[in-house]
Every structure is written in structure tokens, then in C-alpha cells.
PDB file of N, CA and C in Angstrom:
ATOM      1  N   MET A   1       0.696   4.610 -73.238  1.00  0.00           N
ATOM      2  CA  MET A   1       1.030   3.256 -72.974  1.00  0.00           C
ATOM      3  C   MET A   1       0.916   2.322 -74.489  1.00  0.00           C
ATOM      4  N   THR A   2       2.075   1.588 -74.411  1.00  0.00           N
ATOM      5  CA  THR A   2       2.112   0.778 -75.566  1.00  0.00           C
ATOM      6  C   THR A   2       1.302  -0.185 -74.942  1.00  0.00           C
ATOM      7  N   LYS A   3       1.181  -1.283 -76.431  1.00  0.00           N
ATOM      8  CA  LYS A   3       0.122  -2.159 -76.299  1.00  0.00           C
ATOM      9  C   LYS A   3       1.070  -3.400 -75.250  1.00  0.00           C
ATOM     10  N   LEU A   4       2.357  -3.258 -75.520  1.00  0.00           N
ATOM     11  CA  LEU A   4       3.073  -4.393 -74.617  1.00  0.00           C
ATOM     12  C   LEU A   4       2.912  -4.413 -73.146  1.00  0.00           C
ATOM     13  N   ARG A   5       2.739  -3.006 -72.838  1.00  0.00           N
ATOM     14  CA  ARG A   5       2.749  -2.369 -71.357  1.00  0.00           C
ATOM     15  C   ARG A   5       1.304  -2.812 -71.174  1.00  0.00           C
ATOM     16  N   VAL A   6       0.459  -2.569 -71.647  1.00  0.00           N
ATOM     17  CA  VAL A   6      -0.943  -2.826 -71.323  1.00  0.00           C
ATOM     18  C   VAL A   6      -1.216  -4.121 -70.828  1.00  0.00           C
ATOM     19  N   LEU A   7      -0.498  -5.020 -71.985  1.00  0.00           N
ATOM     20  CA  LEU A   7      -0.974  -6.639 -72.119  1.00  0.00           C
ATOM     21  C   LEU A   7      -0.065  -6.887 -70.828  1.00  0.00           C
ATOM     22  N   GLY A   8       1.010  -6.278 -70.503  1.00  0.00           N
ATOM     23  CA  GLY A   8       2.084  -7.069 -69.171  1.00  0.00           C
ATOM     24  C   GLY A   8       0.871  -6.558 -68.118  1.00  0.00           C
ATOM     25  N   LEU A   9       0.637  -5.380 -67.825  1.00  0.00           N
ATOM     26  CA  LEU A   9       0.079  -4.952 -67.007  1.00  0.00           C
ATOM     27  C   LEU A   9      -1.729  -6.005 -66.410  1.00  0.00           C
ATOM     28  N   VAL A  10      -2.232  -6.435 -67.666  1.00  0.00           N
ATOM     29  CA  VAL A  10      -3.486  -7.098 -67.745  1.00  0.00           C
ATOM     30  C   VAL A  10      -2.981  -8.387 -67.155  1.00  0.00           C
ATOM     31  N   VAL A  11      -1.696  -9.019 -67.642  1.00  0.00           N
ATOM     32  CA  VAL A  11      -1.207 -10.179 -67.150  1.00  0.00           C
ATOM     33  C   VAL A  11      -1.078 -10.046 -65.441  1.00  0.00           C
ATOM     34  N   ALA A  12      -0.551  -9.135 -65.253  1.00  0.00           N
ATOM     35  CA  ALA A  12      -0.025  -9.303 -63.646  1.00  0.00           C
ATOM     36  C   ALA A  12      -1.043  -9.298 -62.702  1.00  0.00           C
ATOM     37  N   ILE A  13      -2.572  -8.496 -63.271  1.00  0.00           N
ATOM     38  CA  ILE A  13      -3.355  -7.961 -62.537  1.00  0.00           C
ATOM     39  C   ILE A  13      -4.295  -9.538 -62.425  1.00  0.00           C
ATOM     40  N   ALA A  14      -4.170 -10.008 -63.555  1.00  0.00           N
ATOM     41  CA  ALA A  14      -4.651 -11.442 -63.652  1.00  0.00           C
ATOM     42  C   ALA A  14      -4.139 -12.796 -63.004  1.00  0.00           C
ATOM     43  N   ALA A  15      -2.905 -12.501 -62.913  1.00  0.00           N
ATOM     44  CA  ALA A  15      -1.882 -12.901 -62.090  1.00  0.00           C
ATOM     45  C   ALA A  15      -2.243 -13.225 -60.559  1.00  0.00           C
ATOM     46  N   LEU A  16      -2.440 -11.994 -60.344  1.00  0.00           N
ATOM     47  CA  LEU A  16      -2.793 -11.461 -58.655  1.00  0.00           C
ATOM     48  C   LEU A  16      -3.732 -11.733 -58.354  1.00  0.00           C
ATOM     49  N   LEU A  17      -5.160 -11.695 -59.108  1.00  0.00           N
ATOM     50  CA  LEU A  17      -6.398 -11.844 -58.723  1.00  0.00           C
ATOM     51  C   LEU A  17      -6.475 -13.470 -58.865  1.00  0.00           C
ATOM     52  N   GLY A  18      -5.890 -14.181 -59.602  1.00  0.00           N
ATOM     53  CA  GLY A  18      -5.660 -15.533 -59.728  1.00  0.00           C
ATOM     54  C   GLY A  18      -5.184 -16.148 -58.384  1.00  0.00           C
ATOM     55  N   GLY A  19      -4.250 -15.464 -57.732  1.00  0.00           N
ATOM     56  CA  GLY A  19      -3.603 -15.912 -56.765  1.00  0.00           C
ATOM     57  C   GLY A  19      -4.441 -15.697 -55.616  1.00  0.00           C
ATOM     58  N   LEU A  20      -5.174 -14.634 -55.477  1.00  0.00           N
ATOM     59  CA  LEU A  20      -5.776 -14.225 -54.368  1.00  0.00           C
ATOM     60  C   LEU A  20      -7.017 -15.216 -54.459  1.00  0.00           C
ATOM     61  N   ILE A  21      -7.800 -15.301 -55.400  1.00  0.00           N
ATOM     62  CA  ILE A  21      -8.975 -16.755 -55.494  1.00  0.00           C
ATOM     63  C   ILE A  21      -8.514 -17.983 -55.053  1.00  0.00           C
ATOM     64  N   TYR A  22      -7.205 -18.624 -55.516  1.00  0.00           N
ATOM     65  CA  TYR A  22      -6.819 -19.387 -55.126  1.00  0.00           C
ATOM     66  C   TYR A  22      -6.428 -19.681 -53.961  1.00  0.00           C
ATOM     67  N   GLY A  23      -5.763 -18.664 -52.824  1.00  0.00           N
ATOM     68  CA  GLY A  23      -5.414 -18.722 -51.893  1.00  0.00           C
ATOM     69  C   GLY A  23      -6.914 -18.490 -50.750  1.00  0.00           C
ATOM     70  N   SER A  24      -8.045 -18.060 -51.272  1.00  0.00           N
ATOM     71  CA  SER A  24      -9.448 -18.111 -50.242  1.00  0.00           C
ATOM     72  C   SER A  24     -10.085 -19.208 -50.818  1.00  0.00           C
ATOM     73  N   LEU A  25      -9.753 -19.550 -51.975  1.00  0.00           N
ATOM     74  CA  LEU A  25     -10.377 -21.195 -52.075  1.00  0.00           C
ATOM     75  C   LEU A  25      -9.797 -22.436 -51.182  1.00  0.00           C
ATOM     76  N   SER A  26      -8.310 -22.350 -50.562  1.00  0.00           N
ATOM     77  CA  SER A  26      -7.657 -23.589 -49.874  1.00  0.00           C
ATOM     78  C   SER A  26      -8.592 -23.703 -49.295  1.00  0.00           C
ATOM     79  N   VAL A  27      -8.614 -25.361 -48.692  1.00  0.00           N
ATOM     80  CA  VAL A  27      -9.645 -26.198 -47.597  1.00  0.00           C
ATOM     81  C   VAL A  27      -8.632 -26.171 -46.280  1.00  0.00           C
ATOM     82  N   VAL A  28      -9.771 -25.571 -45.729  1.00  0.00           N
ATOM     83  CA  VAL A  28      -9.555 -25.389 -44.324  1.00  0.00           C
ATOM     84  C   VAL A  28      -9.722 -26.654 -43.453  1.00  0.00           C
ATOM     85  N   GLN A  29      -8.447 -27.232 -42.997  1.00  0.00           N
ATOM     86  CA  GLN A  29      -8.723 -28.743 -42.176  1.00  0.00           C
ATOM     87  C   GLN A  29      -8.945 -28.388 -41.034  1.00  0.00           C
ATOM     88  N   ALA A  30      -8.336 -27.577 -40.341  1.00  0.00           N
ATOM     89  CA  ALA A  30      -8.576 -27.611 -39.014  1.00  0.00           C
ATOM     90  C   ALA A  30      -8.991 -26.127 -38.609  1.00  0.00           C
ATOM     91  N   GLU A  31      -9.617 -26.129 -36.976  1.00  0.00           N
ATOM     92  CA  GLU A  31     -10.257 -25.065 -36.531  1.00  0.00           C
ATOM     93  C   GLU A  31      -9.815 -25.161 -35.183  1.00  0.00           C
ATOM     94  N   CYS A  32      -9.325 -24.291 -34.406  1.00  0.00           N
ATOM     95  CA  CYS A  32      -8.740 -24.081 -33.222  1.00  0.00           C
ATOM     96  C   CYS A  32      -9.233 -22.959 -32.522  1.00  0.00           C
ATOM     97  N   SER A  33      -9.781 -22.951 -31.071  1.00  0.00           N
ATOM     98  CA  SER A  33     -10.091 -21.724 -30.356  1.00  0.00           C
ATOM     99  C   SER A  33      -9.348 -21.883 -28.680  1.00  0.00           C
ATOM    100  N   LEU A  34      -9.110 -20.834 -28.803  1.00  0.00           N
ATOM    101  CA  LEU A  34      -8.077 -20.709 -27.289  1.00  0.00           C
ATOM    102  C   LEU A  34      -8.270 -19.563 -26.530  1.00  0.00           C
ATOM    103  N   CYS A  35      -7.547 -19.603 -25.328  1.00  0.00           N
ATOM    104  CA  CYS A  35      -7.583 -18.483 -24.763  1.00  0.00           C
ATOM    105  C   CYS A  35      -6.229 -18.273 -24.115  1.00  0.00           C
ATOM    106  N   VAL A  36      -5.932 -16.726 -24.344  1.00  0.00           N
ATOM    107  CA  VAL A  36      -4.547 -16.564 -23.690  1.00  0.00           C
ATOM    108  C   VAL A  36      -4.272 -15.502 -22.588  1.00  0.00           C
ATOM    109  N   GLU A  37      -3.619 -15.781 -21.778  1.00  0.00           N
ATOM    110  CA  GLU A  37      -3.725 -14.988 -20.720  1.00  0.00           C
ATOM    111  C   GLU A  37      -2.151 -13.875 -20.628  1.00  0.00           C
ATOM    112  N   PHE A  38      -2.056 -12.781 -20.590  1.00  0.00           N
ATOM    113  CA  PHE A  38      -0.774 -12.268 -20.964  1.00  0.00           C
ATOM    114  C   PHE A  38      -0.685 -10.755 -20.385  1.00  0.00           C
ATOM    115  N   ASN A  39      -0.061 -10.423 -19.461  1.00  0.00           N
ATOM    116  CA  ASN A  39       0.083  -8.890 -18.986  1.00  0.00           C
ATOM    117  C   ASN A  39      -1.545  -8.636 -18.148  1.00  0.00           C
ATOM    118  N   GLY A  40      -1.734  -9.474 -17.849  1.00  0.00           N
ATOM    119  CA  GLY A  40      -3.006  -9.643 -16.550  1.00  0.00           C
ATOM    120  C   GLY A  40      -4.010  -9.694 -17.357  1.00  0.00           C
ATOM    121  N   LEU A  41      -4.298  -9.645 -18.839  1.00  0.00           N
ATOM    122  CA  LEU A  41      -5.554  -9.585 -19.666  1.00  0.00           C
ATOM    123  C   LEU A  41      -5.596 -11.086 -20.193  1.00  0.00           C
ATOM    124  N   ARG A  42      -6.957 -11.622 -20.846  1.00  0.00           N
ATOM    125  CA  ARG A  42      -7.301 -12.438 -21.055  1.00  0.00           C
ATOM    126  C   ARG A  42      -8.171 -12.342 -22.382  1.00  0.00           C
ATOM    127  N   GLN A  43      -7.563 -12.919 -23.277  1.00  0.00           N
ATOM    128  CA  GLN A  43      -8.301 -13.308 -24.672  1.00  0.00           C
ATOM    129  C   GLN A  43      -8.590 -14.363 -25.126  1.00  0.00           C
ATOM    130  N   CYS A  44     -10.001 -14.465 -26.119  1.00  0.00           N
ATOM    131  CA  CYS A  44     -10.060 -15.884 -26.423  1.00  0.00           C
ATOM    132  C   CYS A  44     -10.381 -15.578 -27.672  1.00  0.00           C
ATOM    133  N   ARG A  45      -9.754 -16.501 -28.903  1.00  0.00           N
ATOM    134  CA  ARG A  45      -9.911 -16.363 -30.191  1.00  0.00           C
ATOM    135  C   ARG A  45     -10.094 -17.551 -31.009  1.00  0.00           C
ATOM    136  N   THR A  46     -10.469 -17.609 -32.224  1.00  0.00           N
ATOM    137  CA  THR A  46     -10.391 -18.594 -32.968  1.00  0.00           C
ATOM    138  C   THR A  46      -9.900 -18.772 -34.232  1.00  0.00           C
ATOM    139  N   GLY A  47      -9.125 -19.796 -34.709  1.00  0.00           N
ATOM    140  CA  GLY A  47      -7.951 -19.370 -36.038  1.00  0.00           C
ATOM    141  C   GLY A  47      -8.215 -20.536 -36.645  1.00  0.00           C
ATOM    142  N   SER A  48      -8.299 -20.772 -37.968  1.00  0.00           N
ATOM    143  CA  SER A  48      -8.650 -21.587 -38.939  1.00  0.00           C
ATOM    144  C   SER A  48      -7.079 -21.948 -39.986  1.00  0.00           C
ATOM    145  N   GLY A  49      -6.960 -23.094 -40.470  1.00  0.00           N
ATOM    146  CA  GLY A  49      -5.548 -23.547 -40.972  1.00  0.00           C
ATOM    147  C   GLY A  49      -5.527 -24.904 -41.723  1.00  0.00           C
ATOM    148  N   ALA A  50      -4.155 -25.099 -42.192  1.00  0.00           N
ATOM    149  CA  ALA A  50      -4.193 -26.403 -43.389  1.00  0.00           C
ATOM    150  C   ALA A  50      -4.180 -27.354 -42.138  1.00  0.00           C
ATOM    151  N   SER A  51      -3.430 -27.133 -40.866  1.00  0.00           N
ATOM    152  CA  SER A  51      -3.405 -28.110 -39.791  1.00  0.00           C
ATOM    153  C   SER A  51      -3.632 -27.480 -38.682  1.00  0.00           C
ATOM    154  N   GLN A  52      -3.455 -28.400 -37.592  1.00  0.00           N
ATOM    155  CA  GLN A  52      -3.883 -28.113 -36.296  1.00  0.00           C
ATOM    156  C   GLN A  52      -3.038 -27.202 -35.693  1.00  0.00           C
ATOM    157  N   GLU A  53      -2.023 -27.080 -36.162  1.00  0.00           N
ATOM    158  CA  GLU A  53      -0.576 -26.181 -35.523  1.00  0.00           C
ATOM    159  C   GLU A  53      -1.119 -24.955 -36.298  1.00  0.00           C
ATOM    160  N   ASP A  54      -1.222 -24.596 -37.415  1.00  0.00           N
ATOM    161  CA  ASP A  54      -1.297 -23.555 -38.188  1.00  0.00           C
ATOM    162  C   ASP A  54      -2.765 -22.883 -37.614  1.00  0.00           C
ATOM    163  N   ALA A  55      -3.804 -23.545 -37.432  1.00  0.00           N
ATOM    164  CA  ALA A  55      -4.933 -22.959 -36.918  1.00  0.00           C
ATOM    165  C   ALA A  55      -4.914 -22.636 -35.414  1.00  0.00           C
ATOM    166  N   ARG A  56      -4.306 -23.306 -34.477  1.00  0.00           N
ATOM    167  CA  ARG A  56      -3.728 -22.784 -33.064  1.00  0.00           C
ATOM    168  C   ARG A  56      -3.049 -21.819 -33.100  1.00  0.00           C
ATOM    169  N   ALA A  57      -1.834 -21.517 -34.082  1.00  0.00           N
ATOM    170  CA  ALA A  57      -1.149 -20.104 -33.955  1.00  0.00           C
ATOM    171  C   ALA A  57      -1.758 -19.024 -34.679  1.00  0.00           C
ATOM    172  N   ALA A  58      -2.809 -19.045 -35.318  1.00  0.00           N
ATOM    173  CA  ALA A  58      -3.317 -18.130 -36.090  1.00  0.00           C
ATOM    174  C   ALA A  58      -4.944 -17.430 -34.891  1.00  0.00           C
ATOM    175  N   ALA A  59      -4.703 -18.718 -34.083  1.00  0.00           N
ATOM    176  CA  ALA A  59      -5.921 -17.810 -33.167  1.00  0.00           C
ATOM    177  C   ALA A  59      -5.154 -17.771 -32.295  1.00  0.00           C
ATOM    178  N   GLN A  60      -3.758 -17.594 -31.676  1.00  0.00           N
ATOM    179  CA  GLN A  60      -2.894 -17.004 -30.539  1.00  0.00           C
ATOM    180  C   GLN A  60      -2.654 -15.807 -31.032  1.00  0.00           C
ATOM    181  N   ARG A  61      -2.218 -15.547 -32.738  1.00  0.00           N
ATOM    182  CA  ARG A  61      -1.851 -14.150 -32.996  1.00  0.00           C
ATOM    183  C   ARG A  61      -3.156 -13.153 -32.803  1.00  0.00           C
ATOM    184  N   ALA A  62      -4.351 -14.091 -32.909  1.00  0.00           N
ATOM    185  CA  ALA A  62      -5.192 -12.974 -33.226  1.00  0.00           C
ATOM    186  C   ALA A  62      -5.799 -13.041 -31.692  1.00  0.00           C
ATOM    187  N   ALA A  63      -5.371 -13.618 -30.565  1.00  0.00           N
ATOM    188  CA  ALA A  63      -5.622 -13.330 -29.273  1.00  0.00           C
ATOM    189  C   ALA A  63      -4.509 -12.130 -28.716  1.00  0.00           C
ATOM    190  N   CYS A  64      -3.566 -12.443 -28.916  1.00  0.00           N
ATOM    191  CA  CYS A  64      -2.253 -11.786 -28.718  1.00  0.00           C
ATOM    192  C   CYS A  64      -2.274 -10.098 -29.076  1.00  0.00           C
ATOM    193  N   ALA A  65      -2.757 -10.114 -30.697  1.00  0.00           N
ATOM    194  CA  ALA A  65      -2.974  -8.691 -31.195  1.00  0.00           C
ATOM    195  C   ALA A  65      -3.373  -7.540 -30.370  1.00  0.00           C
ATOM    196  N   VAL A  66      -4.647  -8.122 -29.525  1.00  0.00           N
ATOM    197  CA  VAL A  66      -5.514  -7.273 -29.095  1.00  0.00           C
ATOM    198  C   VAL A  66      -4.863  -7.106 -27.512  1.00  0.00           C
ATOM    199  N   MET A  67      -3.914  -7.380 -27.128  1.00  0.00           N
ATOM    200  CA  MET A  67      -3.236  -7.407 -25.868  1.00  0.00           C
ATOM    201  C   MET A  67      -1.935  -6.901 -25.800  1.00  0.00           C
ATOM    202  N   THR A  68      -1.114  -6.759 -27.081  1.00  0.00           N
ATOM    203  CA  THR A  68      -0.036  -6.424 -27.209  1.00  0.00           C
ATOM    204  C   THR A  68       0.298  -5.176 -27.856  1.00  0.00           C
ATOM    205  N   SER A  69       1.652  -4.101 -27.804  1.00  0.00           N
ATOM    206  CA  SER A  69       1.882  -3.278 -28.186  1.00  0.00           C
ATOM    207  C   SER A  69       3.457  -3.464 -28.581  1.00  0.00           C
ATOM    208  N   GLY A  70       3.702  -3.504 -29.319  1.00  0.00           N
ATOM    209  CA  GLY A  70       5.119  -3.472 -29.869  1.00  0.00           C
ATOM    210  C   GLY A  70       5.630  -5.147 -30.234  1.00  0.00           C
ATOM    211  N   MET A  71       6.664  -5.223 -30.973  1.00  0.00           N
ATOM    212  CA  MET A  71       7.461  -6.611 -31.502  1.00  0.00           C
ATOM    213  C   MET A  71       7.670  -7.563 -30.266  1.00  0.00           C
ATOM    214  N   ALA A  72       8.546  -6.689 -29.392  1.00  0.00           N
ATOM    215  CA  ALA A  72       8.667  -7.620 -27.852  1.00  0.00           C
ATOM    216  C   ALA A  72       7.553  -8.043 -27.469  1.00  0.00           C
ATOM    217  N   GLU A  73       6.374  -7.625 -27.067  1.00  0.00           N
ATOM    218  CA  GLU A  73       5.372  -7.858 -26.121  1.00  0.00           C
ATOM    219  C   GLU A  73       4.438  -9.232 -27.200  1.00  0.00           C
ATOM    220  N   THR A  74       4.635  -8.657 -28.689  1.00  0.00           N
ATOM    221  CA  THR A  74       3.954  -9.798 -29.515  1.00  0.00           C
ATOM    222  C   THR A  74       4.831 -11.133 -29.764  1.00  0.00           C
ATOM    223  N   ILE A  75       5.820 -10.847 -29.632  1.00  0.00           N
ATOM    224  CA  ILE A  75       6.657 -12.155 -29.859  1.00  0.00           C
ATOM    225  C   ILE A  75       6.607 -13.266 -28.345  1.00  0.00           C
ATOM    226  N   GLN A  76       6.779 -12.391 -27.161  1.00  0.00           N
ATOM    227  CA  GLN A  76       6.291 -12.517 -26.099  1.00  0.00           C
ATOM    228  C   GLN A  76       5.198 -13.512 -25.524  1.00  0.00           C
ATOM    229  N   CYS A  77       4.216 -12.756 -25.993  1.00  0.00           N
ATOM    230  CA  CYS A  77       2.706 -13.317 -25.910  1.00  0.00           C
ATOM    231  C   CYS A  77       2.372 -14.531 -27.009  1.00  0.00           C
ATOM    232  N   ASP A  78       3.115 -14.417 -28.008  1.00  0.00           N
ATOM    233  CA  ASP A  78       2.966 -15.721 -28.769  1.00  0.00           C
ATOM    234  C   ASP A  78       3.676 -16.842 -28.360  1.00  0.00           C
ATOM    235  N   ASN A  79       4.361 -16.849 -27.560  1.00  0.00           N
ATOM    236  CA  ASN A  79       4.771 -17.977 -26.497  1.00  0.00           C
ATOM    237  C   ASN A  79       4.429 -18.311 -25.414  1.00  0.00           C
ATOM    238  N   VAL A  80       3.210 -17.641 -25.324  1.00  0.00           N
ATOM    239  CA  VAL A  80       2.715 -17.650 -23.990  1.00  0.00           C
ATOM    240  C   VAL A  80       1.884 -19.357 -24.237  1.00  0.00           C
ATOM    241  N   ILE A  81       2.008 -20.590 -23.009  1.00  0.00           N
ATOM    242  CA  ILE A  81       0.736 -21.219 -23.088  1.00  0.00           C
ATOM    243  C   ILE A  81      -0.380 -21.015 -22.857  1.00  0.00           C
ATOM    244  N   PRO A  82      -1.293 -21.379 -23.851  1.00  0.00           N
ATOM    245  CA  PRO A  82      -2.862 -21.024 -23.816  1.00  0.00           C
ATOM    246  C   PRO A  82      -3.497 -21.310 -23.051  1.00  0.00           C
ATOM    247  N   THR A  83      -3.926 -20.787 -21.582  1.00  0.00           N
ATOM    248  CA  THR A  83      -5.176 -21.571 -21.059  1.00  0.00           C
ATOM    249  C   THR A  83      -6.178 -22.825 -21.208  1.00  0.00           C
ATOM    250  N   ARG A  84      -6.546 -22.599 -22.479  1.00  0.00           N
ATOM    251  CA  ARG A  84      -7.379 -23.354 -23.077  1.00  0.00           C
ATOM    252  C   ARG A  84      -7.225 -23.429 -24.159  1.00  0.00           C
ATOM    253  N   VAL A  85      -7.702 -24.734 -24.838  1.00  0.00           N
ATOM    254  CA  VAL A  85      -7.268 -24.949 -26.567  1.00  0.00           C
ATOM    255  C   VAL A  85      -8.314 -26.097 -26.774  1.00  0.00           C
ATOM    256  N   GLN A  86      -9.210 -25.989 -28.205  1.00  0.00           N
ATOM    257  CA  GLN A  86      -9.838 -26.737 -28.471  1.00  0.00           C
ATOM    258  C   GLN A  86     -10.134 -26.556 -30.032  1.00  0.00           C
ATOM    259  N   CYS A  87      -9.627 -27.958 -30.491  1.00  0.00           N
ATOM    260  CA  CYS A  87      -9.507 -27.947 -31.616  1.00  0.00           C
ATOM    261  C   CYS A  87     -10.389 -28.814 -32.468  1.00  0.00           C
ATOM    262  N   GLN A  88     -10.796 -28.889 -33.907  1.00  0.00           N
ATOM    263  CA  GLN A  88     -11.956 -29.624 -34.476  1.00  0.00           C
ATOM    264  C   GLN A  88     -11.049 -30.038 -35.762  1.00  0.00           C
TER     265      GLN A  88
END
């Protein structure tokens, strides 16, 4: 490998690591717990995000992930109104 390629690889890896570290250090502004009923199943999960909307969406995706199989069910479950929502 030439020195230019090695330098390019090092820069790319440093940029990737920097992005990962920056993303993981972002401030969590909200946390929501919610319960979802779908296809006769009920799951409760917690999510966090920059806003209550993001936190709620993350919690709902987490709850739906264990109750669905396939894209169609995932979309349907993501659109279900939660039975319980509590945000901080």
C-alpha cells in the first residue's frame, strides 16, 4: 500500500470513530415508557431521544420489534396507539 492510501485509510477510520463518539455523547432530552398491544400481545418498553416524539417513537419501535415479523406487521404495529405512555 502506498503512503497516500494508508493516510486516507487512517483519516477515514478517525472520521468514523469521531462520528460514533459524537453520536453517543449527544444529550438525551427525553425518555418515554410505553405499552403497545398488537395481535393479542402486549409489550412495554422505554426509549430515549432528543425530543419526547423521538423517545416515544424509539420505545414503540422497541416494543413492536419483539411482536412483529415482516415489514407489513412492523408498519402496522408502529401505527398502533399505545395503551400507556409516560414521558420524562
